[in-house]
Amino acid sequence: MLWQGVFWGGTEQSIIGYGKIEQPRPKGRTVEWFLIGLARQKNYLSVDVNAADDGAYLAKTYGQRLGRTKVGSASVSFTSADDVDLGVLDELVRHAGRLVEWS
C-alpha cells in the first residue's frame, strides 16, 4: 500500500507500507497504519517499524547492530544500503511480523 501525505515533521512524503495495523494515538482515535514502511527522503532512506516487544520499540532494540544508521523510536535512517547490516534488518522485520496477528 502506498501512503502519501504530510506526516511527522510536517513534510510531504510517500511511504510504501506493508502490513496493516491499528495504532492508538495519544490524543485521538486509533488510526490504521502500516507495520513496516520504506521511504526515500531528500538525503536518506528510512525504514519505519511500527512494532514494540515488551514495551520497547524494535528499531531501538536492534539499533546498535544495524550498522551506520540513525535510529529513532520506530525509524531507521541511512544514506545507502551499504551502510546497513541487511541480515540484522531482515531479523528486525521478521520479528515485527511475528508480533502482529494477520487476518
N, C-alpha and C. Protein backbone atom coordinates (compact mmCIF):
# COMPACT_ATOMS: atom_id res chain seq x y z
N MET A 1 0.84 -1.16 0.00
CA MET A 1 0.00 0.00 0.00
C MET A 1 0.89 1.24 0.00
N LEU A 2 0.50 2.24 -0.70
CA LEU A 2 1.26 3.49 -0.74
C LEU A 2 0.55 4.52 0.12
N TRP A 3 1.28 5.06 1.09
CA TRP A 3 0.76 6.09 1.97
C TRP A 3 1.37 7.41 1.51
N GLN A 4 0.55 8.40 1.27
CA GLN A 4 1.03 9.70 0.84
C GLN A 4 0.37 10.79 1.67
N GLY A 5 1.14 11.80 1.97
CA GLY A 5 0.58 12.93 2.71
C GLY A 5 1.64 13.61 3.55
N VAL A 6 1.18 14.47 4.42
CA VAL A 6 2.07 15.17 5.35
C VAL A 6 2.11 14.34 6.62
N PHE A 7 3.30 13.88 6.97
CA PHE A 7 3.48 13.04 8.15
C PHE A 7 4.35 13.77 9.16
N TRP A 8 4.96 12.99 10.08
CA TRP A 8 5.81 13.54 11.12
C TRP A 8 6.79 14.54 10.53
N GLY A 9 7.08 15.55 11.28
CA GLY A 9 7.99 16.59 10.81
C GLY A 9 7.32 17.58 9.88
N GLY A 10 6.05 17.33 9.53
CA GLY A 10 5.31 18.25 8.69
C GLY A 10 5.70 18.24 7.23
N THR A 11 6.37 17.18 6.77
CA THR A 11 6.80 17.14 5.37
C THR A 11 5.92 16.21 4.54
N GLU A 12 5.78 16.53 3.28
CA GLU A 12 5.04 15.70 2.33
C GLU A 12 5.89 14.47 2.04
N GLN A 13 5.31 13.28 2.16
CA GLN A 13 6.06 12.06 1.94
C GLN A 13 5.23 11.02 1.20
N SER A 14 5.92 10.07 0.60
CA SER A 14 5.31 8.86 0.05
C SER A 14 6.01 7.70 0.72
N ILE A 15 5.24 6.81 1.32
CA ILE A 15 5.79 5.68 2.05
C ILE A 15 5.16 4.41 1.53
N ILE A 16 6.00 3.44 1.18
CA ILE A 16 5.50 2.13 0.81
C ILE A 16 5.29 1.40 2.13
N GLY A 17 4.05 1.04 2.42
CA GLY A 17 3.73 0.39 3.69
C GLY A 17 3.35 -1.06 3.50
N TYR A 18 3.78 -1.89 4.43
CA TYR A 18 3.47 -3.32 4.39
C TYR A 18 2.86 -3.72 5.73
N GLY A 19 1.77 -4.43 5.66
CA GLY A 19 1.11 -4.90 6.88
C GLY A 19 0.24 -3.82 7.49
N LYS A 20 -1.04 -4.10 7.67
CA LYS A 20 -1.96 -3.14 8.26
C LYS A 20 -2.06 -3.37 9.76
N ILE A 21 -1.93 -2.29 10.52
CA ILE A 21 -2.11 -2.37 11.96
C ILE A 21 -3.03 -1.23 12.40
N GLU A 22 -3.58 -1.35 13.57
CA GLU A 22 -4.31 -0.25 14.18
C GLU A 22 -3.42 0.29 15.28
N GLN A 23 -3.16 1.58 15.22
CA GLN A 23 -2.24 2.20 16.17
C GLN A 23 -2.99 3.24 17.00
N PRO A 24 -3.02 3.06 18.33
CA PRO A 24 -3.68 4.06 19.17
C PRO A 24 -2.88 5.36 19.17
N ARG A 25 -3.57 6.47 19.14
CA ARG A 25 -2.93 7.79 19.19
C ARG A 25 -3.13 8.37 20.58
N PRO A 26 -2.12 9.04 21.12
CA PRO A 26 -2.22 9.56 22.49
C PRO A 26 -3.36 10.56 22.68
N LYS A 27 -3.63 11.36 21.66
CA LYS A 27 -4.66 12.40 21.81
C LYS A 27 -5.71 12.29 20.71
N GLY A 28 -6.22 11.12 20.51
CA GLY A 28 -7.22 10.96 19.46
C GLY A 28 -7.60 9.52 19.27
N ARG A 29 -8.29 9.28 18.18
CA ARG A 29 -8.77 7.93 17.90
C ARG A 29 -7.65 7.05 17.35
N THR A 30 -7.87 5.78 17.39
CA THR A 30 -6.95 4.81 16.81
C THR A 30 -6.97 4.97 15.28
N VAL A 31 -5.79 4.86 14.65
CA VAL A 31 -5.70 5.02 13.20
C VAL A 31 -5.16 3.75 12.55
N GLU A 32 -5.55 3.54 11.30
CA GLU A 32 -4.99 2.44 10.53
C GLU A 32 -3.64 2.90 10.00
N TRP A 33 -2.63 2.06 10.12
CA TRP A 33 -1.27 2.43 9.77
C TRP A 33 -0.57 1.22 9.22
N PHE A 34 0.69 1.35 8.87
CA PHE A 34 1.46 0.23 8.35
C PHE A 34 2.40 -0.32 9.42
N LEU A 35 2.72 -1.60 9.31
CA LEU A 35 3.68 -2.21 10.23
C LEU A 35 5.10 -1.84 9.84
N ILE A 36 5.43 -2.01 8.57
CA ILE A 36 6.77 -1.70 8.04
C ILE A 36 6.60 -0.70 6.90
N GLY A 37 7.40 0.36 6.92
CA GLY A 37 7.33 1.35 5.86
C GLY A 37 8.71 1.66 5.31
N LEU A 38 8.76 1.95 4.03
CA LEU A 38 10.01 2.32 3.37
C LEU A 38 9.78 3.64 2.64
N ALA A 39 10.65 4.62 2.91
CA ALA A 39 10.50 5.93 2.27
C ALA A 39 11.86 6.46 1.83
N ARG A 40 11.85 7.16 0.72
CA ARG A 40 13.05 7.85 0.25
C ARG A 40 12.89 9.32 0.62
N GLN A 41 13.76 9.78 1.46
CA GLN A 41 13.76 11.18 1.87
C GLN A 41 14.73 11.93 0.95
N LYS A 42 14.89 13.21 1.16
CA LYS A 42 15.77 14.01 0.31
C LYS A 42 17.22 13.50 0.34
N ASN A 43 17.74 13.21 1.54
CA ASN A 43 19.14 12.84 1.68
C ASN A 43 19.38 11.44 2.23
N TYR A 44 18.33 10.68 2.44
CA TYR A 44 18.49 9.36 3.03
C TYR A 44 17.26 8.49 2.77
N LEU A 45 17.39 7.23 3.11
CA LEU A 45 16.28 6.28 3.07
C LEU A 45 15.85 6.02 4.50
N SER A 46 14.60 5.67 4.69
CA SER A 46 14.17 5.31 6.04
C SER A 46 13.28 4.08 6.00
N VAL A 47 13.46 3.24 7.01
CA VAL A 47 12.60 2.10 7.24
C VAL A 47 11.93 2.36 8.58
N ASP A 48 10.60 2.35 8.57
CA ASP A 48 9.85 2.56 9.80
C ASP A 48 9.26 1.23 10.23
N VAL A 49 9.48 0.88 11.49
CA VAL A 49 8.99 -0.37 12.04
C VAL A 49 8.09 -0.02 13.23
N ASN A 50 6.79 -0.08 12.98
CA ASN A 50 5.82 0.32 14.00
C ASN A 50 5.42 -0.87 14.85
N ALA A 51 6.41 -1.38 15.59
CA ALA A 51 6.18 -2.53 16.45
C ALA A 51 7.06 -2.42 17.69
N ALA A 52 6.51 -2.92 18.79
CA ALA A 52 7.25 -2.95 20.05
C ALA A 52 7.09 -4.32 20.68
N ASP A 53 8.09 -4.74 21.41
CA ASP A 53 8.05 -6.00 22.13
C ASP A 53 8.43 -5.71 23.57
N ASP A 54 7.60 -6.13 24.49
CA ASP A 54 7.83 -5.86 25.92
C ASP A 54 7.99 -4.37 26.20
N GLY A 55 7.24 -3.54 25.48
CA GLY A 55 7.26 -2.10 25.69
C GLY A 55 8.42 -1.35 25.05
N ALA A 56 9.27 -2.06 24.31
CA ALA A 56 10.43 -1.41 23.67
C ALA A 56 10.26 -1.46 22.15
N TYR A 57 10.40 -0.30 21.50
CA TYR A 57 10.35 -0.28 20.04
C TYR A 57 11.46 -1.16 19.47
N LEU A 58 11.12 -1.94 18.46
CA LEU A 58 12.10 -2.85 17.87
C LEU A 58 13.25 -2.12 17.21
N ALA A 59 13.00 -0.97 16.60
CA ALA A 59 14.09 -0.22 15.97
C ALA A 59 15.16 0.11 17.01
N LYS A 60 14.75 0.51 18.20
CA LYS A 60 15.70 0.81 19.28
C LYS A 60 16.41 -0.46 19.74
N THR A 61 15.67 -1.55 19.84
CA THR A 61 16.23 -2.81 20.30
C THR A 61 17.35 -3.30 19.37
N TYR A 62 17.13 -3.17 18.07
CA TYR A 62 18.10 -3.66 17.09
C TYR A 62 19.10 -2.59 16.66
N GLY A 63 18.89 -1.36 17.05
CA GLY A 63 19.65 -0.22 16.56
C GLY A 63 21.16 -0.36 16.59
N GLN A 64 21.70 -0.82 17.69
CA GLN A 64 23.17 -0.92 17.83
C GLN A 64 23.78 -1.90 16.82
N ARG A 65 22.99 -2.85 16.34
CA ARG A 65 23.50 -3.89 15.45
C ARG A 65 23.28 -3.59 13.97
N LEU A 66 22.58 -2.50 13.64
CA LEU A 66 22.18 -2.26 12.26
C LEU A 66 23.25 -1.64 11.37
N GLY A 67 24.32 -1.15 11.94
CA GLY A 67 25.38 -0.54 11.11
C GLY A 67 25.38 0.96 11.25
N ARG A 68 25.78 1.62 10.17
CA ARG A 68 25.88 3.09 10.16
C ARG A 68 24.51 3.69 9.86
N THR A 69 23.70 3.76 10.89
CA THR A 69 22.33 4.23 10.75
C THR A 69 22.01 5.24 11.85
N LYS A 70 20.94 5.98 11.63
CA LYS A 70 20.39 6.84 12.67
C LYS A 70 19.07 6.17 13.09
N VAL A 71 18.92 5.93 14.38
CA VAL A 71 17.75 5.20 14.86
C VAL A 71 16.90 6.09 15.75
N GLY A 72 15.61 6.18 15.41
CA GLY A 72 14.64 6.86 16.26
C GLY A 72 13.81 5.81 16.96
N SER A 73 12.73 6.20 17.56
CA SER A 73 11.89 5.22 18.26
C SER A 73 11.44 4.10 17.34
N ALA A 74 10.91 4.46 16.18
CA ALA A 74 10.40 3.45 15.26
C ALA A 74 11.04 3.54 13.89
N SER A 75 12.08 4.35 13.72
CA SER A 75 12.65 4.52 12.39
C SER A 75 14.14 4.24 12.36
N VAL A 76 14.57 3.79 11.20
CA VAL A 76 15.99 3.55 10.92
C VAL A 76 16.30 4.30 9.63
N SER A 77 17.23 5.23 9.68
CA SER A 77 17.60 6.03 8.51
C SER A 77 19.03 5.76 8.11
N PHE A 78 19.29 5.80 6.80
CA PHE A 78 20.64 5.53 6.29
C PHE A 78 20.77 6.14 4.90
N THR A 79 22.00 6.41 4.49
CA THR A 79 22.21 7.03 3.19
C THR A 79 22.35 6.02 2.06
N SER A 80 22.75 4.80 2.39
CA SER A 80 22.96 3.77 1.38
C SER A 80 22.72 2.40 1.99
N ALA A 81 22.23 1.47 1.19
CA ALA A 81 22.04 0.10 1.67
C ALA A 81 23.37 -0.50 2.14
N ASP A 82 24.47 -0.01 1.61
CA ASP A 82 25.79 -0.49 2.03
C ASP A 82 26.08 -0.15 3.49
N ASP A 83 25.37 0.84 4.06
CA ASP A 83 25.58 1.25 5.44
C ASP A 83 24.85 0.36 6.45
N VAL A 84 23.94 -0.48 5.96
CA VAL A 84 23.07 -1.27 6.83
C VAL A 84 23.47 -2.73 6.80
N ASP A 85 23.46 -3.37 7.96
CA ASP A 85 23.63 -4.81 8.03
C ASP A 85 22.28 -5.41 7.64
N LEU A 86 22.16 -5.85 6.40
CA LEU A 86 20.88 -6.31 5.87
C LEU A 86 20.38 -7.57 6.57
N GLY A 87 21.27 -8.38 7.10
CA GLY A 87 20.87 -9.56 7.87
C GLY A 87 20.16 -9.16 9.15
N VAL A 88 20.67 -8.15 9.82
CA VAL A 88 20.04 -7.66 11.05
C VAL A 88 18.72 -6.97 10.72
N LEU A 89 18.67 -6.21 9.61
CA LEU A 89 17.42 -5.57 9.19
C LEU A 89 16.36 -6.63 8.91
N ASP A 90 16.75 -7.70 8.25
CA ASP A 90 15.84 -8.82 7.98
C ASP A 90 15.31 -9.41 9.30
N GLU A 91 16.20 -9.59 10.25
CA GLU A 91 15.82 -10.12 11.56
C GLU A 91 14.81 -9.20 12.25
N LEU A 92 15.05 -7.89 12.18
CA LEU A 92 14.15 -6.89 12.76
C LEU A 92 12.76 -6.97 12.13
N VAL A 93 12.70 -7.00 10.80
CA VAL A 93 11.42 -7.03 10.09
C VAL A 93 10.66 -8.33 10.39
N ARG A 94 11.36 -9.44 10.42
CA ARG A 94 10.71 -10.71 10.74
C ARG A 94 10.18 -10.72 12.17
N HIS A 95 10.92 -10.13 13.10
CA HIS A 95 10.48 -10.03 14.49
C HIS A 95 9.17 -9.23 14.55
N ALA A 96 9.12 -8.11 13.84
CA ALA A 96 7.91 -7.28 13.81
C ALA A 96 6.73 -8.11 13.27
N GLY A 97 6.97 -8.85 12.22
CA GLY A 97 5.90 -9.66 11.62
C GLY A 97 5.34 -10.71 12.56
N ARG A 98 6.18 -11.25 13.41
CA ARG A 98 5.71 -12.26 14.37
C ARG A 98 4.83 -11.67 15.47
N LEU A 99 4.91 -10.36 15.68
CA LEU A 99 4.15 -9.72 16.75
C LEU A 99 2.74 -9.31 16.35
N VAL A 100 2.43 -9.43 15.07
CA VAL A 100 1.14 -8.97 14.55
C VAL A 100 0.25 -10.15 14.21
N GLU A 101 -1.01 -10.04 14.58
CA GLU A 101 -1.99 -11.04 14.17
C GLU A 101 -2.45 -10.71 12.77
N TRP A 102 -2.21 -11.60 11.83
CA TRP A 102 -2.59 -11.36 10.44
C TRP A 102 -4.00 -11.86 10.21
N SER A 103 -4.79 -11.10 9.51
CA SER A 103 -6.17 -11.51 9.23
C SER A 103 -6.30 -12.10 7.85
